[in-house]
């Protein structure tokens, strides 16, 4: 009589269980990097200093980012692809201006990369805004108006000015003789106003606006 074939034990290292398969799928998903080109606001958590960053790729565990200020391995930073959506993590490698950031907690990549849309409270999700404090010139009804630029995104800006501007009117926001963008007034209080640009600032323009002046 031929001997019966040996049965694979439930604890055999060669037996693949549903749990193993699920863990393998989670690991593959965690390690899957999606290439992107997205502007981000980087912030030093301890110093509260912020700068412009360009996200090159992202996975559920971290990001590769080109940073506009020097970072160190082990430094804790936050990354915002949308204005009110900050991800915390630490710098784990550096190659020139490019850094690798490992998140404190895994993220849902598709949700994080979703483009700005209307949120559940009716407000529109905004692109990351950067704090600024510099003087700009407004061309309004063919007249020059001085204003202080308070914050800036690719989509628009918040300005401080004693001049009264009509809601929804058009104007030109000029940072320098070579840097200007057309915009419309979206809101205004006593001496503050918000404008929306007629086009998105390019990454290069945004960088210049944040550094120049």
C-alpha atoms as a PDB file:
ATOM      1  CA  UNK A   1       0.000   0.000   0.000  1.00  0.00           C
ATOM      2  CA  UNK A   2       1.392   3.414  -0.962  1.00  0.00           C
ATOM      3  CA  UNK A   3       1.880   5.820   1.913  1.00  0.00           C
ATOM      4  CA  UNK A   4      -0.627   8.660   2.113  1.00  0.00           C
ATOM      5  CA  UNK A   5       0.748  12.101   1.183  1.00  0.00           C
ATOM      6  CA  UNK A   6       1.594  14.265   4.161  1.00  0.00           C
ATOM      7  CA  UNK A   7      -1.029  16.876   4.954  1.00  0.00           C
ATOM      8  CA  UNK A   8       0.032  20.508   5.186  1.00  0.00           C
ATOM      9  CA  UNK A   9      -0.215  21.624   8.773  1.00  0.00           C
ATOM     10  CA  UNK A  10      -2.351  24.661   9.610  1.00  0.00           C
ATOM     11  CA  UNK A  11       0.790  26.212  11.004  1.00  0.00           C
ATOM     12  CA  UNK A  12       2.924  25.381   7.957  1.00  0.00           C
ATOM     13  CA  UNK A  13       4.980  28.399   6.752  1.00  0.00           C
ATOM     14  CA  UNK A  14       4.055  27.461   3.181  1.00  0.00           C
ATOM     15  CA  UNK A  15       0.320  27.763   3.710  1.00  0.00           C
ATOM     16  CA  UNK A  16      -1.136  31.137   2.649  1.00  0.00           C
ATOM     17  CA  UNK A  17      -4.089  32.242   4.720  1.00  0.00           C
ATOM     18  CA  UNK A  18      -6.661  34.942   4.009  1.00  0.00           C
ATOM     19  CA  UNK A  19      -5.036  37.081   6.705  1.00  0.00           C
ATOM     20  CA  UNK A  20      -1.617  36.758   5.041  1.00  0.00           C
ATOM     21  CA  UNK A  21      -3.083  37.736   1.690  1.00  0.00           C
ATOM     22  CA  UNK A  22      -4.793  40.762   3.229  1.00  0.00           C
ATOM     23  CA  UNK A  23      -1.569  41.846   4.947  1.00  0.00           C
ATOM     24  CA  UNK A  24       0.358  41.464   1.682  1.00  0.00           C
ATOM     25  CA  UNK A  25      -2.244  43.618  -0.074  1.00  0.00           C
ATOM     26  CA  UNK A  26      -1.959  46.250   2.675  1.00  0.00           C
ATOM     27  CA  UNK A  27       1.826  46.270   2.373  1.00  0.00           C
ATOM     28  CA  UNK A  28       1.668  46.618  -1.405  1.00  0.00           C
ATOM     29  CA  UNK A  29      -0.798  49.483  -1.081  1.00  0.00           C
ATOM     30  CA  UNK A  30       1.318  51.139   1.619  1.00  0.00           C
ATOM     31  CA  UNK A  31       4.414  50.953  -0.574  1.00  0.00           C
ATOM     32  CA  UNK A  32       2.707  52.043  -3.810  1.00  0.00           C
ATOM     33  CA  UNK A  33       3.967  55.482  -4.781  1.00  0.00           C
ATOM     34  CA  UNK A  34       1.776  57.689  -6.957  1.00  0.00           C
ATOM     35  CA  UNK A  35       3.665  60.298  -8.969  1.00  0.00           C
ATOM     36  CA  UNK A  36       2.149  63.768  -8.695  1.00  0.00           C
ATOM     37  CA  UNK A  37       3.112  67.405  -9.191  1.00  0.00           C
ATOM     38  CA  UNK A  38       1.263  69.313  -6.467  1.00  0.00           C
ATOM     39  CA  UNK A  39       2.021  72.514  -4.624  1.00  0.00           C
ATOM     40  CA  UNK A  40       2.127  72.102  -0.849  1.00  0.00           C
ATOM     41  CA  UNK A  41       2.674  74.296   2.174  1.00  0.00           C
ATOM     42  CA  UNK A  42       5.460  72.936   4.373  1.00  0.00           C
ATOM     43  CA  UNK A  43       5.656  74.083   7.986  1.00  0.00           C
ATOM     44  CA  UNK A  44       8.275  73.520  10.642  1.00  0.00           C
ATOM     45  CA  UNK A  45       6.068  72.368  13.523  1.00  0.00           C
ATOM     46  CA  UNK A  46       8.372  73.742  16.243  1.00  0.00           C
ATOM     47  CA  UNK A  47       9.356  77.048  14.649  1.00  0.00           C
ATOM     48  CA  UNK A  48       6.035  77.656  12.826  1.00  0.00           C
ATOM     49  CA  UNK A  49       8.083  78.687   9.784  1.00  0.00           C
ATOM     50  CA  UNK A  50       6.544  77.805   6.433  1.00  0.00           C
ATOM     51  CA  UNK A  51       7.665  77.518   2.839  1.00  0.00           C
ATOM     52  CA  UNK A  52       6.589  76.392  -0.597  1.00  0.00           C
ATOM     53  CA  UNK A  53       7.005  72.724  -1.485  1.00  0.00           C
ATOM     54  CA  UNK A  54       6.396  70.600  -4.565  1.00  0.00           C
ATOM     55  CA  UNK A  55       5.164  67.061  -3.891  1.00  0.00           C
ATOM     56  CA  UNK A  56       6.731  64.630  -6.372  1.00  0.00           C
ATOM     57  CA  UNK A  57       5.158  61.368  -5.237  1.00  0.00           C
ATOM     58  CA  UNK A  58       2.999  60.101  -2.407  1.00  0.00           C
ATOM     59  CA  UNK A  59       2.065  56.804  -0.786  1.00  0.00           C
ATOM     60  CA  UNK A  60      -0.027  56.029   2.265  1.00  0.00           C
ATOM     61  CA  UNK A  61       3.182  56.120   4.304  1.00  0.00           C
ATOM     62  CA  UNK A  62       4.919  59.270   3.082  1.00  0.00           C
ATOM     63  CA  UNK A  63       5.893  61.757   0.378  1.00  0.00           C
ATOM     64  CA  UNK A  64       8.842  62.888  -1.697  1.00  0.00           C
ATOM     65  CA  UNK A  65       8.940  66.681  -1.725  1.00  0.00           C
ATOM     66  CA  UNK A  66      11.102  69.464  -3.155  1.00  0.00           C
ATOM     67  CA  UNK A  67      11.391  72.006  -0.321  1.00  0.00           C
ATOM     68  CA  UNK A  68      12.151  75.729  -0.527  1.00  0.00           C
ATOM     69  CA  UNK A  69      13.949  75.866   2.810  1.00  0.00           C
ATOM     70  CA  UNK A  70      16.627  73.648   4.383  1.00  0.00           C
ATOM     71  CA  UNK A  71      15.419  70.692   6.443  1.00  0.00           C
ATOM     72  CA  UNK A  72      17.219  68.158   8.604  1.00  0.00           C
ATOM     73  CA  UNK A  73      16.739  64.429   9.075  1.00  0.00           C
ATOM     74  CA  UNK A  74      14.473  63.851  12.051  1.00  0.00           C
ATOM     75  CA  UNK A  75      12.819  67.275  11.746  1.00  0.00           C
ATOM     76  CA  UNK A  76       9.052  67.293  12.309  1.00  0.00           C
ATOM     77  CA  UNK A  77       7.041  69.069   9.622  1.00  0.00           C
ATOM     78  CA  UNK A  78       3.466  69.383   8.442  1.00  0.00           C
ATOM     79  CA  UNK A  79       2.454  69.145   4.780  1.00  0.00           C
ATOM     80  CA  UNK A  80      -0.727  70.772   3.425  1.00  0.00           C
ATOM     81  CA  UNK A  81      -2.016  70.060  -0.085  1.00  0.00           C
ATOM     82  CA  UNK A  82      -5.229  71.855   0.873  1.00  0.00           C
ATOM     83  CA  UNK A  83      -5.394  74.837   3.197  1.00  0.00           C
ATOM     84  CA  UNK A  84      -7.026  73.105   6.183  1.00  0.00           C
ATOM     85  CA  UNK A  85      -5.645  69.595   5.647  1.00  0.00           C
ATOM     86  CA  UNK A  86      -2.268  69.232   7.337  1.00  0.00           C
ATOM     87  CA  UNK A  87      -0.353  65.950   7.472  1.00  0.00           C
ATOM     88  CA  UNK A  88       2.299  65.544  10.156  1.00  0.00           C
ATOM     89  CA  UNK A  89       5.475  63.566   9.670  1.00  0.00           C
ATOM     90  CA  UNK A  90       9.231  63.476   9.973  1.00  0.00           C
ATOM     91  CA  UNK A  91      12.072  63.929   7.485  1.00  0.00           C
ATOM     92  CA  UNK A  92      13.756  60.534   6.943  1.00  0.00           C
ATOM     93  CA  UNK A  93      16.120  61.299   4.030  1.00  0.00           C
ATOM     94  CA  UNK A  94      17.525  64.298   2.152  1.00  0.00           C
ATOM     95  CA  UNK A  95      18.955  64.604  -1.375  1.00  0.00           C
ATOM     96  CA  UNK A  96      19.732  68.244  -2.120  1.00  0.00           C
ATOM     97  CA  UNK A  97      16.434  70.145  -1.934  1.00  0.00           C
ATOM     98  CA  UNK A  98      14.417  66.915  -2.154  1.00  0.00           C
ATOM     99  CA  UNK A  99      13.329  65.253   1.085  1.00  0.00           C
ATOM    100  CA  UNK A 100      11.504  62.112   2.081  1.00  0.00           C
ATOM    101  CA  UNK A 101       8.776  62.526   4.696  1.00  0.00           C
ATOM    102  CA  UNK A 102       7.299  59.628   6.659  1.00  0.00           C
ATOM    103  CA  UNK A 103       3.802  60.295   8.011  1.00  0.00           C
ATOM    104  CA  UNK A 104       2.964  59.811  11.679  1.00  0.00           C
ATOM    105  CA  UNK A 105      -0.121  57.858  10.570  1.00  0.00           C
ATOM    106  CA  UNK A 106      -0.959  56.165   7.230  1.00  0.00           C
ATOM    107  CA  UNK A 107      -3.189  58.281   4.971  1.00  0.00           C
ATOM    108  CA  UNK A 108      -5.909  57.578   2.423  1.00  0.00           C
ATOM    109  CA  UNK A 109      -4.042  58.602  -0.732  1.00  0.00           C
ATOM    110  CA  UNK A 110      -7.087  59.081  -2.987  1.00  0.00           C
ATOM    111  CA  UNK A 111      -8.744  61.338  -0.406  1.00  0.00           C
ATOM    112  CA  UNK A 112      -5.634  63.426   0.143  1.00  0.00           C
ATOM    113  CA  UNK A 113      -5.038  63.886  -3.589  1.00  0.00           C
ATOM    114  CA  UNK A 114      -8.651  64.858  -4.305  1.00  0.00           C
ATOM    115  CA  UNK A 115      -8.859  68.252  -5.971  1.00  0.00           C
ATOM    116  CA  UNK A 116     -10.534  71.130  -4.080  1.00  0.00           C
ATOM    117  CA  UNK A 117     -14.324  70.801  -4.045  1.00  0.00           C
ATOM    118  CA  UNK A 118     -17.353  71.917  -2.063  1.00  0.00           C
ATOM    119  CA  UNK A 119     -17.157  70.576   1.497  1.00  0.00           C
ATOM    120  CA  UNK A 120     -20.070  69.283   3.575  1.00  0.00           C
ATOM    121  CA  UNK A 121     -20.480  72.677   5.304  1.00  0.00           C
ATOM    122  CA  UNK A 122     -20.866  74.419   1.933  1.00  0.00           C
ATOM    123  CA  UNK A 123     -17.430  76.029   1.905  1.00  0.00           C
ATOM    124  CA  UNK A 124     -15.036  75.399  -0.959  1.00  0.00           C
ATOM    125  CA  UNK A 125     -11.843  73.547  -0.110  1.00  0.00           C
ATOM    126  CA  UNK A 126      -8.971  75.927  -0.798  1.00  0.00           C
ATOM    127  CA  UNK A 127      -5.494  75.465  -2.181  1.00  0.00           C
ATOM    128  CA  UNK A 128      -2.757  75.993   0.428  1.00  0.00           C
ATOM    129  CA  UNK A 129      -2.302  79.617   1.460  1.00  0.00           C
ATOM    130  CA  UNK A 130       0.993  81.165   2.501  1.00  0.00           C
ATOM    131  CA  UNK A 131       1.459  84.003   4.964  1.00  0.00           C
ATOM    132  CA  UNK A 132       2.995  87.085   3.360  1.00  0.00           C
ATOM    133  CA  UNK A 133       3.719  90.639   4.484  1.00  0.00           C
ATOM    134  CA  UNK A 134       4.754  92.850   1.596  1.00  0.00           C
ATOM    135  CA  UNK A 135       3.541  95.883  -0.301  1.00  0.00           C
ATOM    136  CA  UNK A 136       1.851  95.496  -3.698  1.00  0.00           C
ATOM    137  CA  UNK A 137       0.271  97.922  -6.136  1.00  0.00           C
ATOM    138  CA  UNK A 138      -3.319  97.571  -7.314  1.00  0.00           C
ATOM    139  CA  UNK A 139      -4.499  99.063 -10.590  1.00  0.00           C
ATOM    140  CA  UNK A 140      -8.184  99.848  -9.961  1.00  0.00           C
ATOM    141  CA  UNK A 141     -10.256 101.894 -12.414  1.00  0.00           C
ATOM    142  CA  UNK A 142      -6.993 102.959 -14.043  1.00  0.00           C
ATOM    143  CA  UNK A 143      -5.784 104.414 -10.728  1.00  0.00           C
ATOM    144  CA  UNK A 144      -2.901 103.130  -8.556  1.00  0.00           C
ATOM    145  CA  UNK A 145      -3.829 101.843  -5.113  1.00  0.00           C
ATOM    146  CA  UNK A 146      -1.292 100.708  -2.528  1.00  0.00           C
ATOM    147  CA  UNK A 147      -2.089  97.576  -0.521  1.00  0.00           C
ATOM    148  CA  UNK A 148      -0.422  95.113   1.807  1.00  0.00           C
ATOM    149  CA  UNK A 149      -0.381  91.475   0.696  1.00  0.00           C
ATOM    150  CA  UNK A 150      -1.291  89.358   3.758  1.00  0.00           C
ATOM    151  CA  UNK A 151      -1.601  85.856   2.346  1.00  0.00           C
ATOM    152  CA  UNK A 152      -1.360  84.195  -1.037  1.00  0.00           C
ATOM    153  CA  UNK A 153      -2.287  81.012  -2.896  1.00  0.00           C
ATOM    154  CA  UNK A 154      -2.261  80.000  -6.539  1.00  0.00           C
ATOM    155  CA  UNK A 155      -5.941  80.944  -6.656  1.00  0.00           C
ATOM    156  CA  UNK A 156      -6.092  84.283  -4.837  1.00  0.00           C
ATOM    157  CA  UNK A 157      -4.939  86.552  -2.035  1.00  0.00           C
ATOM    158  CA  UNK A 158      -5.949  88.503   1.055  1.00  0.00           C
ATOM    159  CA  UNK A 159      -4.997  92.183   1.019  1.00  0.00           C
ATOM    160  CA  UNK A 160      -5.076  95.086   3.438  1.00  0.00           C
ATOM    161  CA  UNK A 161      -6.017  98.496   1.996  1.00  0.00           C
ATOM    162  CA  UNK A 162      -7.770 101.656   3.157  1.00  0.00           C
ATOM    163  CA  UNK A 163      -9.287 102.111  -0.307  1.00  0.00           C
ATOM    164  CA  UNK A 164     -12.866 101.041  -0.937  1.00  0.00           C
ATOM    165  CA  UNK A 165     -13.258  98.721  -3.908  1.00  0.00           C
ATOM    166  CA  UNK A 166     -16.544  97.636  -5.421  1.00  0.00           C
ATOM    167  CA  UNK A 167     -17.521  93.988  -4.971  1.00  0.00           C
ATOM    168  CA  UNK A 168     -16.852  91.787  -8.037  1.00  0.00           C
ATOM    169  CA  UNK A 169     -14.895  94.589  -9.695  1.00  0.00           C
ATOM    170  CA  UNK A 170     -11.739  93.747 -11.630  1.00  0.00           C
ATOM    171  CA  UNK A 171      -8.263  94.956 -10.764  1.00  0.00           C
ATOM    172  CA  UNK A 172      -4.611  94.223 -11.419  1.00  0.00           C
ATOM    173  CA  UNK A 173      -2.422  93.045  -8.523  1.00  0.00           C
ATOM    174  CA  UNK A 174       1.169  94.035  -9.242  1.00  0.00           C
ATOM    175  CA  UNK A 175       4.103  92.774  -7.172  1.00  0.00           C
ATOM    176  CA  UNK A 176       6.781  94.225  -9.448  1.00  0.00           C
ATOM    177  CA  UNK A 177       7.072  95.614 -12.995  1.00  0.00           C
ATOM    178  CA  UNK A 178       7.287  92.037 -14.302  1.00  0.00           C
ATOM    179  CA  UNK A 179       4.987  90.217 -11.848  1.00  0.00           C
ATOM    180  CA  UNK A 180       1.261  90.960 -12.057  1.00  0.00           C
ATOM    181  CA  UNK A 181      -2.030  89.094 -12.235  1.00  0.00           C
ATOM    182  CA  UNK A 182      -5.635  90.132 -12.898  1.00  0.00           C
ATOM    183  CA  UNK A 183      -8.191  89.430 -10.194  1.00  0.00           C
ATOM    184  CA  UNK A 184     -11.740  90.112  -8.985  1.00  0.00           C
ATOM    185  CA  UNK A 185     -12.852  91.352  -5.557  1.00  0.00           C
ATOM    186  CA  UNK A 186     -14.701  88.546  -3.727  1.00  0.00           C
ATOM    187  CA  UNK A 187     -15.151  90.034  -0.246  1.00  0.00           C
ATOM    188  CA  UNK A 188     -14.292  93.168   1.726  1.00  0.00           C
ATOM    189  CA  UNK A 189     -14.420  94.308   5.364  1.00  0.00           C
ATOM    190  CA  UNK A 190     -13.279  97.589   6.932  1.00  0.00           C
ATOM    191  CA  UNK A 191      -9.751  97.485   5.523  1.00  0.00           C
ATOM    192  CA  UNK A 192      -9.347  93.893   4.333  1.00  0.00           C
ATOM    193  CA  UNK A 193     -10.351  92.346   1.024  1.00  0.00           C
ATOM    194  CA  UNK A 194     -10.109  89.011  -0.693  1.00  0.00           C
ATOM    195  CA  UNK A 195      -9.426  88.663  -4.413  1.00  0.00           C
ATOM    196  CA  UNK A 196      -9.614  85.690  -6.748  1.00  0.00           C
ATOM    197  CA  UNK A 197      -7.151  85.533  -9.611  1.00  0.00           C
ATOM    198  CA  UNK A 198      -8.428  85.100 -13.160  1.00  0.00           C
ATOM    199  CA  UNK A 199      -5.930  82.262 -13.603  1.00  0.00           C
ATOM    200  CA  UNK A 200      -3.861  80.011 -11.388  1.00  0.00           C
ATOM    201  CA  UNK A 201      -0.372  81.250 -10.600  1.00  0.00           C
ATOM    202  CA  UNK A 202       2.246  78.841 -11.874  1.00  0.00           C
ATOM    203  CA  UNK A 203       4.577  77.240  -9.340  1.00  0.00           C
ATOM    204  CA  UNK A 204       7.402  79.472 -10.589  1.00  0.00           C
ATOM    205  CA  UNK A 205       5.258  82.608 -10.198  1.00  0.00           C
ATOM    206  CA  UNK A 206       4.123  81.578  -6.729  1.00  0.00           C
ATOM    207  CA  UNK A 207       7.731  81.051  -5.688  1.00  0.00           C
ATOM    208  CA  UNK A 208       8.697  84.507  -6.956  1.00  0.00           C
ATOM    209  CA  UNK A 209       5.750  86.156  -5.204  1.00  0.00           C
ATOM    210  CA  UNK A 210       6.682  84.506  -1.920  1.00  0.00           C
ATOM    211  CA  UNK A 211      10.349  85.520  -2.173  1.00  0.00           C
ATOM    212  CA  UNK A 212      10.357  88.851  -3.992  1.00  0.00           C
ATOM    213  CA  UNK A 213       9.696  92.255  -2.516  1.00  0.00           C
END
